[in-house]
N, C-alpha and C. Protein backbone atom coordinates (compact mmCIF):
# COMPACT_ATOMS: atom_id res chain seq x y z
N MET A 1 -7.68 25.37 0.86
CA MET A 1 -7.92 24.07 1.47
C MET A 1 -7.39 22.96 0.54
N THR A 2 -6.71 21.99 1.10
CA THR A 2 -6.15 20.88 0.35
C THR A 2 -7.24 19.87 0.04
N SER A 3 -7.35 19.47 -1.22
CA SER A 3 -8.37 18.50 -1.61
C SER A 3 -7.92 17.08 -1.26
N ALA A 4 -8.88 16.18 -1.19
CA ALA A 4 -8.58 14.77 -0.94
C ALA A 4 -7.65 14.24 -2.03
N ARG A 5 -7.88 14.65 -3.27
CA ARG A 5 -7.04 14.20 -4.38
C ARG A 5 -5.60 14.67 -4.20
N GLN A 6 -5.41 15.92 -3.77
CA GLN A 6 -4.06 16.44 -3.55
C GLN A 6 -3.35 15.65 -2.46
N VAL A 7 -4.07 15.34 -1.38
CA VAL A 7 -3.47 14.57 -0.28
C VAL A 7 -3.02 13.20 -0.80
N LYS A 8 -3.89 12.53 -1.53
CA LYS A 8 -3.55 11.20 -2.03
C LYS A 8 -2.41 11.25 -3.04
N ASP A 9 -2.37 12.29 -3.87
CA ASP A 9 -1.26 12.43 -4.81
C ASP A 9 0.06 12.62 -4.07
N GLU A 10 0.03 13.35 -2.96
CA GLU A 10 1.25 13.51 -2.14
C GLU A 10 1.69 12.16 -1.58
N VAL A 11 0.73 11.34 -1.17
CA VAL A 11 1.05 10.00 -0.66
C VAL A 11 1.70 9.16 -1.75
N ILE A 12 1.14 9.18 -2.94
CA ILE A 12 1.71 8.40 -4.05
C ILE A 12 3.13 8.86 -4.36
N ASN A 13 3.35 10.16 -4.38
CA ASN A 13 4.70 10.67 -4.64
C ASN A 13 5.68 10.23 -3.56
N ALA A 14 5.28 10.33 -2.29
CA ALA A 14 6.15 9.90 -1.19
C ALA A 14 6.40 8.40 -1.26
N PHE A 15 5.37 7.62 -1.60
CA PHE A 15 5.52 6.17 -1.75
C PHE A 15 6.57 5.87 -2.81
N ASN A 16 6.44 6.50 -3.96
CA ASN A 16 7.38 6.24 -5.06
C ASN A 16 8.79 6.72 -4.76
N ASP A 17 8.93 7.67 -3.83
CA ASP A 17 10.25 8.11 -3.36
C ASP A 17 10.75 7.26 -2.20
N HIS A 18 9.92 6.33 -1.73
CA HIS A 18 10.22 5.50 -0.55
C HIS A 18 10.48 6.38 0.68
N ASP A 19 9.72 7.44 0.79
CA ASP A 19 9.87 8.44 1.85
C ASP A 19 8.82 8.18 2.93
N VAL A 20 9.18 7.36 3.91
CA VAL A 20 8.22 6.99 4.97
C VAL A 20 7.75 8.23 5.72
N ARG A 21 8.66 9.12 6.08
CA ARG A 21 8.26 10.34 6.80
C ARG A 21 7.29 11.18 5.96
N GLY A 22 7.55 11.28 4.68
CA GLY A 22 6.65 12.01 3.79
C GLY A 22 5.27 11.37 3.74
N LEU A 23 5.24 10.05 3.71
CA LEU A 23 3.96 9.34 3.74
C LEU A 23 3.20 9.66 5.02
N LEU A 24 3.90 9.57 6.14
CA LEU A 24 3.24 9.76 7.44
C LEU A 24 2.71 11.17 7.64
N ARG A 25 3.31 12.15 6.97
CA ARG A 25 2.81 13.53 7.07
C ARG A 25 1.40 13.68 6.53
N SER A 26 0.98 12.75 5.68
CA SER A 26 -0.36 12.82 5.09
C SER A 26 -1.40 12.01 5.86
N PHE A 27 -0.98 11.32 6.92
CA PHE A 27 -1.90 10.50 7.71
C PHE A 27 -2.12 11.12 9.08
N ALA A 28 -3.37 11.07 9.57
CA ALA A 28 -3.66 11.48 10.94
C ALA A 28 -2.97 10.53 11.91
N ALA A 29 -2.65 11.01 13.10
CA ALA A 29 -1.94 10.19 14.10
C ALA A 29 -2.66 8.88 14.39
N GLU A 30 -3.98 8.89 14.35
CA GLU A 30 -4.77 7.70 14.66
C GLU A 30 -5.31 7.00 13.40
N ALA A 31 -4.72 7.28 12.25
CA ALA A 31 -5.20 6.73 10.99
C ALA A 31 -5.26 5.20 11.02
N VAL A 32 -6.20 4.67 10.25
CA VAL A 32 -6.37 3.22 10.11
C VAL A 32 -6.17 2.86 8.64
N TYR A 33 -5.32 1.87 8.38
CA TYR A 33 -5.02 1.39 7.04
C TYR A 33 -5.46 -0.07 6.97
N VAL A 34 -6.36 -0.37 6.05
CA VAL A 34 -6.90 -1.72 5.92
C VAL A 34 -6.52 -2.27 4.56
N SER A 35 -5.93 -3.47 4.54
CA SER A 35 -5.55 -4.10 3.28
C SER A 35 -5.75 -5.61 3.42
N PRO A 36 -5.60 -6.36 2.34
CA PRO A 36 -5.71 -7.82 2.45
C PRO A 36 -4.71 -8.42 3.44
N GLU A 37 -3.61 -7.71 3.70
CA GLU A 37 -2.61 -8.21 4.64
C GLU A 37 -3.01 -7.98 6.09
N GLY A 38 -3.98 -7.12 6.33
CA GLY A 38 -4.43 -6.87 7.70
C GLY A 38 -4.73 -5.41 7.95
N ILE A 39 -4.86 -5.07 9.23
CA ILE A 39 -5.20 -3.71 9.65
C ILE A 39 -4.01 -3.12 10.40
N VAL A 40 -3.66 -1.89 10.03
CA VAL A 40 -2.58 -1.16 10.67
C VAL A 40 -3.20 0.11 11.25
N GLU A 41 -2.89 0.40 12.52
CA GLU A 41 -3.49 1.55 13.19
C GLU A 41 -2.41 2.47 13.75
N GLY A 42 -2.53 3.77 13.42
CA GLY A 42 -1.62 4.78 13.96
C GLY A 42 -0.35 4.91 13.14
N THR A 43 0.29 6.07 13.27
CA THR A 43 1.46 6.35 12.43
C THR A 43 2.66 5.47 12.76
N GLU A 44 2.79 5.01 13.99
CA GLU A 44 3.92 4.13 14.31
C GLU A 44 3.81 2.82 13.52
N GLN A 45 2.62 2.21 13.53
CA GLN A 45 2.42 0.98 12.77
C GLN A 45 2.49 1.23 11.27
N LEU A 46 1.96 2.38 10.82
CA LEU A 46 2.04 2.72 9.41
C LEU A 46 3.49 2.84 8.96
N GLY A 47 4.32 3.48 9.77
CA GLY A 47 5.74 3.61 9.45
C GLY A 47 6.41 2.26 9.32
N TRP A 48 6.08 1.35 10.25
CA TRP A 48 6.63 -0.01 10.19
C TRP A 48 6.16 -0.70 8.91
N TYR A 49 4.87 -0.60 8.62
CA TYR A 49 4.30 -1.29 7.46
C TYR A 49 4.98 -0.85 6.16
N PHE A 50 5.04 0.47 5.95
CA PHE A 50 5.65 0.96 4.70
C PHE A 50 7.15 0.67 4.67
N GLY A 51 7.84 0.79 5.80
CA GLY A 51 9.26 0.47 5.85
C GLY A 51 9.52 -0.97 5.48
N GLN A 52 8.68 -1.88 6.00
CA GLN A 52 8.79 -3.30 5.70
C GLN A 52 8.54 -3.55 4.22
N LEU A 53 7.54 -2.88 3.65
CA LEU A 53 7.24 -3.05 2.23
C LEU A 53 8.41 -2.59 1.35
N PHE A 54 8.99 -1.44 1.70
CA PHE A 54 10.12 -0.92 0.92
C PHE A 54 11.36 -1.80 1.06
N ALA A 55 11.54 -2.43 2.21
CA ALA A 55 12.66 -3.36 2.39
C ALA A 55 12.43 -4.65 1.61
N SER A 56 11.18 -5.08 1.53
CA SER A 56 10.85 -6.32 0.81
C SER A 56 10.94 -6.15 -0.70
N PHE A 57 10.52 -4.96 -1.17
CA PHE A 57 10.50 -4.65 -2.60
C PHE A 57 11.21 -3.32 -2.80
N PRO A 58 12.55 -3.32 -2.81
CA PRO A 58 13.31 -2.06 -2.82
C PRO A 58 13.04 -1.15 -4.02
N ASP A 59 12.49 -1.70 -5.10
CA ASP A 59 12.19 -0.88 -6.27
C ASP A 59 10.68 -0.68 -6.47
N VAL A 60 9.89 -0.94 -5.44
CA VAL A 60 8.43 -0.87 -5.57
C VAL A 60 7.97 0.53 -6.00
N GLN A 61 7.00 0.55 -6.91
CA GLN A 61 6.42 1.79 -7.42
C GLN A 61 4.92 1.62 -7.60
N LEU A 62 4.19 2.72 -7.42
CA LEU A 62 2.76 2.75 -7.72
C LEU A 62 2.55 3.60 -8.96
N THR A 63 1.80 3.07 -9.90
CA THR A 63 1.40 3.83 -11.07
C THR A 63 -0.11 3.99 -11.00
N ALA A 64 -0.55 5.20 -10.72
CA ALA A 64 -1.99 5.48 -10.66
C ALA A 64 -2.51 5.65 -12.08
N TRP A 65 -3.51 4.88 -12.44
CA TRP A 65 -4.03 4.98 -13.79
C TRP A 65 -5.48 5.43 -13.84
N ASN A 66 -6.12 5.57 -12.69
CA ASN A 66 -7.46 6.16 -12.65
C ASN A 66 -7.60 6.91 -11.34
N LYS A 67 -7.83 8.21 -11.43
CA LYS A 67 -7.96 9.06 -10.25
C LYS A 67 -9.21 9.93 -10.41
N PRO A 68 -10.39 9.35 -10.13
CA PRO A 68 -11.61 10.13 -10.28
C PRO A 68 -11.56 11.37 -9.40
N LEU A 69 -12.06 12.47 -9.91
CA LEU A 69 -12.06 13.72 -9.16
C LEU A 69 -13.30 13.76 -8.25
N LEU A 70 -13.09 13.41 -7.00
CA LEU A 70 -14.14 13.41 -5.99
C LEU A 70 -13.70 14.31 -4.85
N ASP A 71 -14.64 14.91 -4.16
CA ASP A 71 -14.28 15.71 -2.99
C ASP A 71 -13.71 14.82 -1.89
N ASP A 72 -14.36 13.75 -1.57
CA ASP A 72 -13.92 12.82 -0.55
C ASP A 72 -14.85 11.62 -0.63
N PRO A 73 -14.36 10.42 -0.67
CA PRO A 73 -12.98 10.00 -0.50
C PRO A 73 -12.18 10.14 -1.79
N ALA A 74 -10.85 10.07 -1.64
CA ALA A 74 -9.97 10.00 -2.81
C ALA A 74 -9.90 8.54 -3.23
N VAL A 75 -10.22 8.28 -4.48
CA VAL A 75 -10.20 6.92 -5.01
C VAL A 75 -9.09 6.85 -6.05
N THR A 76 -8.27 5.81 -5.95
CA THR A 76 -7.16 5.64 -6.89
C THR A 76 -7.09 4.19 -7.32
N GLU A 77 -7.16 3.95 -8.61
CA GLU A 77 -6.86 2.63 -9.14
C GLU A 77 -5.40 2.66 -9.57
N TYR A 78 -4.67 1.59 -9.30
CA TYR A 78 -3.23 1.63 -9.51
C TYR A 78 -2.70 0.27 -9.92
N THR A 79 -1.46 0.28 -10.36
CA THR A 79 -0.67 -0.93 -10.52
C THR A 79 0.58 -0.75 -9.66
N MET A 80 0.85 -1.73 -8.82
CA MET A 80 2.06 -1.73 -7.98
C MET A 80 3.03 -2.73 -8.59
N THR A 81 4.25 -2.27 -8.88
CA THR A 81 5.28 -3.13 -9.45
C THR A 81 6.50 -3.13 -8.55
N GLY A 82 7.27 -4.18 -8.62
CA GLY A 82 8.50 -4.24 -7.85
C GLY A 82 9.13 -5.62 -7.95
N THR A 83 10.29 -5.74 -7.33
CA THR A 83 11.04 -6.99 -7.31
C THR A 83 11.22 -7.42 -5.87
N HIS A 84 10.88 -8.65 -5.58
CA HIS A 84 10.95 -9.19 -4.22
C HIS A 84 12.40 -9.54 -3.88
N ASP A 85 13.12 -8.54 -3.34
CA ASP A 85 14.54 -8.71 -3.03
C ASP A 85 14.84 -8.65 -1.53
N GLY A 86 13.81 -8.65 -0.69
CA GLY A 86 14.02 -8.64 0.76
C GLY A 86 12.97 -9.49 1.44
N PRO A 87 13.19 -9.88 2.71
CA PRO A 87 12.20 -10.68 3.42
C PRO A 87 10.84 -9.97 3.45
N PHE A 88 9.76 -10.73 3.22
CA PHE A 88 8.41 -10.18 3.15
C PHE A 88 7.53 -10.88 4.16
N GLN A 89 6.99 -10.11 5.11
CA GLN A 89 6.10 -10.69 6.11
C GLN A 89 4.73 -10.90 5.51
N LEU A 90 4.25 -12.14 5.60
CA LEU A 90 2.95 -12.50 5.06
C LEU A 90 1.85 -12.26 6.09
N ALA A 91 0.61 -12.33 5.63
CA ALA A 91 -0.54 -12.03 6.49
C ALA A 91 -0.61 -12.97 7.70
N ASP A 92 -0.10 -14.18 7.57
CA ASP A 92 -0.15 -15.13 8.68
C ASP A 92 1.02 -14.96 9.66
N GLY A 93 1.88 -13.96 9.41
CA GLY A 93 3.01 -13.69 10.30
C GLY A 93 4.30 -14.36 9.87
N SER A 94 4.22 -15.31 8.95
CA SER A 94 5.45 -15.96 8.47
C SER A 94 6.18 -15.01 7.53
N VAL A 95 7.42 -15.35 7.23
CA VAL A 95 8.25 -14.48 6.39
C VAL A 95 8.67 -15.26 5.15
N LEU A 96 8.43 -14.65 3.99
CA LEU A 96 8.88 -15.22 2.72
C LEU A 96 10.23 -14.61 2.39
N GLN A 97 11.24 -15.44 2.29
CA GLN A 97 12.57 -14.97 1.95
C GLN A 97 12.59 -14.49 0.50
N PRO A 98 13.55 -13.62 0.14
CA PRO A 98 13.57 -13.03 -1.20
C PRO A 98 13.54 -14.09 -2.30
N THR A 99 12.72 -13.84 -3.30
CA THR A 99 12.60 -14.75 -4.43
C THR A 99 13.21 -14.17 -5.70
N GLY A 100 13.43 -12.85 -5.73
CA GLY A 100 13.90 -12.19 -6.94
C GLY A 100 12.83 -12.05 -8.00
N ARG A 101 11.61 -12.44 -7.67
CA ARG A 101 10.51 -12.38 -8.65
C ARG A 101 9.96 -10.96 -8.76
N HIS A 102 9.52 -10.64 -9.95
CA HIS A 102 8.89 -9.35 -10.24
C HIS A 102 7.38 -9.48 -10.03
N ILE A 103 6.77 -8.45 -9.45
CA ILE A 103 5.32 -8.44 -9.28
C ILE A 103 4.72 -7.26 -10.05
N ALA A 104 3.50 -7.42 -10.46
CA ALA A 104 2.68 -6.35 -11.04
C ALA A 104 1.25 -6.63 -10.56
N ILE A 105 0.83 -5.89 -9.55
CA ILE A 105 -0.45 -6.12 -8.88
C ILE A 105 -1.37 -4.94 -9.13
N ARG A 106 -2.57 -5.23 -9.61
CA ARG A 106 -3.57 -4.17 -9.78
C ARG A 106 -4.36 -4.02 -8.50
N GLY A 107 -4.74 -2.79 -8.19
CA GLY A 107 -5.52 -2.57 -6.99
C GLY A 107 -6.24 -1.24 -7.02
N ALA A 108 -6.92 -0.98 -5.92
CA ALA A 108 -7.62 0.30 -5.75
C ALA A 108 -7.53 0.68 -4.28
N ALA A 109 -7.42 1.98 -4.05
CA ALA A 109 -7.37 2.50 -2.67
C ALA A 109 -8.44 3.58 -2.53
N VAL A 110 -9.10 3.55 -1.39
CA VAL A 110 -10.12 4.53 -1.05
C VAL A 110 -9.66 5.22 0.23
N SER A 111 -9.40 6.53 0.14
CA SER A 111 -8.82 7.28 1.26
C SER A 111 -9.82 8.32 1.75
N THR A 112 -10.19 8.22 3.02
CA THR A 112 -11.08 9.20 3.64
C THR A 112 -10.23 10.26 4.31
N ILE A 113 -10.52 11.52 4.00
CA ILE A 113 -9.70 12.64 4.43
C ILE A 113 -10.51 13.54 5.37
N GLU A 114 -9.88 13.97 6.46
CA GLU A 114 -10.45 14.99 7.34
C GLU A 114 -9.35 15.98 7.70
N ASN A 115 -9.64 17.25 7.59
CA ASN A 115 -8.67 18.30 7.92
C ASN A 115 -7.34 18.12 7.20
N GLY A 116 -7.41 17.69 5.94
CA GLY A 116 -6.21 17.56 5.13
C GLY A 116 -5.35 16.34 5.43
N LEU A 117 -5.87 15.39 6.22
CA LEU A 117 -5.11 14.18 6.56
C LEU A 117 -5.96 12.93 6.32
N ILE A 118 -5.31 11.86 5.94
CA ILE A 118 -6.01 10.59 5.76
C ILE A 118 -6.34 10.02 7.13
N ILE A 119 -7.63 9.72 7.35
CA ILE A 119 -8.01 9.08 8.61
C ILE A 119 -8.24 7.59 8.42
N THR A 120 -8.66 7.21 7.21
CA THR A 120 -8.85 5.80 6.88
C THR A 120 -8.45 5.58 5.43
N GLU A 121 -7.67 4.53 5.21
CA GLU A 121 -7.36 4.12 3.83
C GLU A 121 -7.68 2.64 3.72
N ARG A 122 -8.49 2.32 2.73
CA ARG A 122 -8.83 0.93 2.47
C ARG A 122 -8.23 0.56 1.12
N ASP A 123 -7.30 -0.38 1.15
CA ASP A 123 -6.57 -0.79 -0.05
C ASP A 123 -7.08 -2.16 -0.47
N TYR A 124 -7.46 -2.28 -1.73
CA TYR A 124 -8.00 -3.53 -2.26
C TYR A 124 -7.09 -4.02 -3.38
N HIS A 125 -6.50 -5.19 -3.17
CA HIS A 125 -5.76 -5.84 -4.24
C HIS A 125 -5.91 -7.34 -4.05
N ASP A 126 -5.62 -8.09 -5.09
CA ASP A 126 -5.80 -9.53 -5.08
C ASP A 126 -4.57 -10.19 -4.45
N GLN A 127 -4.73 -10.62 -3.20
CA GLN A 127 -3.62 -11.24 -2.48
C GLN A 127 -3.20 -12.55 -3.15
N LEU A 128 -4.14 -13.30 -3.72
CA LEU A 128 -3.78 -14.53 -4.42
C LEU A 128 -2.93 -14.24 -5.65
N GLU A 129 -3.23 -13.13 -6.34
CA GLU A 129 -2.41 -12.72 -7.49
C GLU A 129 -0.98 -12.42 -7.02
N LEU A 130 -0.85 -11.71 -5.92
CA LEU A 130 0.46 -11.40 -5.35
C LEU A 130 1.20 -12.69 -5.00
N TYR A 131 0.56 -13.56 -4.24
CA TYR A 131 1.21 -14.80 -3.81
C TYR A 131 1.59 -15.67 -5.01
N ASN A 132 0.75 -15.72 -6.02
CA ASN A 132 1.05 -16.49 -7.22
C ASN A 132 2.28 -15.94 -7.93
N GLN A 133 2.36 -14.60 -8.04
CA GLN A 133 3.52 -14.00 -8.70
C GLN A 133 4.80 -14.19 -7.90
N LEU A 134 4.66 -14.37 -6.60
CA LEU A 134 5.84 -14.63 -5.75
C LEU A 134 6.21 -16.13 -5.75
N GLY A 135 5.44 -16.95 -6.47
CA GLY A 135 5.75 -18.37 -6.60
C GLY A 135 5.25 -19.20 -5.44
N MET A 136 4.34 -18.67 -4.67
CA MET A 136 3.80 -19.41 -3.53
C MET A 136 2.69 -20.33 -4.01
N PRO A 137 2.62 -21.54 -3.47
CA PRO A 137 1.53 -22.44 -3.88
C PRO A 137 0.19 -21.90 -3.38
N ILE A 138 -0.81 -21.98 -4.23
CA ILE A 138 -2.15 -21.57 -3.87
C ILE A 138 -2.90 -22.83 -3.42
N PRO A 139 -3.41 -22.84 -2.19
CA PRO A 139 -4.07 -24.05 -1.70
C PRO A 139 -5.32 -24.36 -2.52
N ALA A 140 -5.55 -25.66 -2.73
CA ALA A 140 -6.76 -26.09 -3.43
C ALA A 140 -7.95 -25.93 -2.51
N ILE A 141 -9.07 -25.55 -3.09
CA ILE A 141 -10.32 -25.43 -2.33
C ILE A 141 -11.10 -26.70 -2.51
N ALA A 142 -11.47 -27.30 -1.41
CA ALA A 142 -12.20 -28.59 -1.47
C ALA A 142 -13.65 -28.37 -1.79
């Protein structure tokens, strides 16, 4: 039987290879992916999401630096690095044109696995940190 950790490690490897099909093999057809950018449901939307991310940051990589050994869920703390060299769709639907800026974002992902496939992945990272590194103005809070 494949462990939750093995499934998530396969996802990280496929992500770092920019292999969308490889990524999708680890997700259930009806999988739900939740991140600060929004909610993506099903493998068709997941394929679009990861394809868009790889186009926006052609050198994007995940470095997992904490992978607690749990049966389920698989928890991974990571640093995502890359260079913003392609159009990037923001959470509000607008598109940020390439800035050439380098990002290094810390985050954590919690992946729930059933029958060897991810059914839910919740990704937590600081969207303000990302936007700041991309040179976007951070609105003042009144």
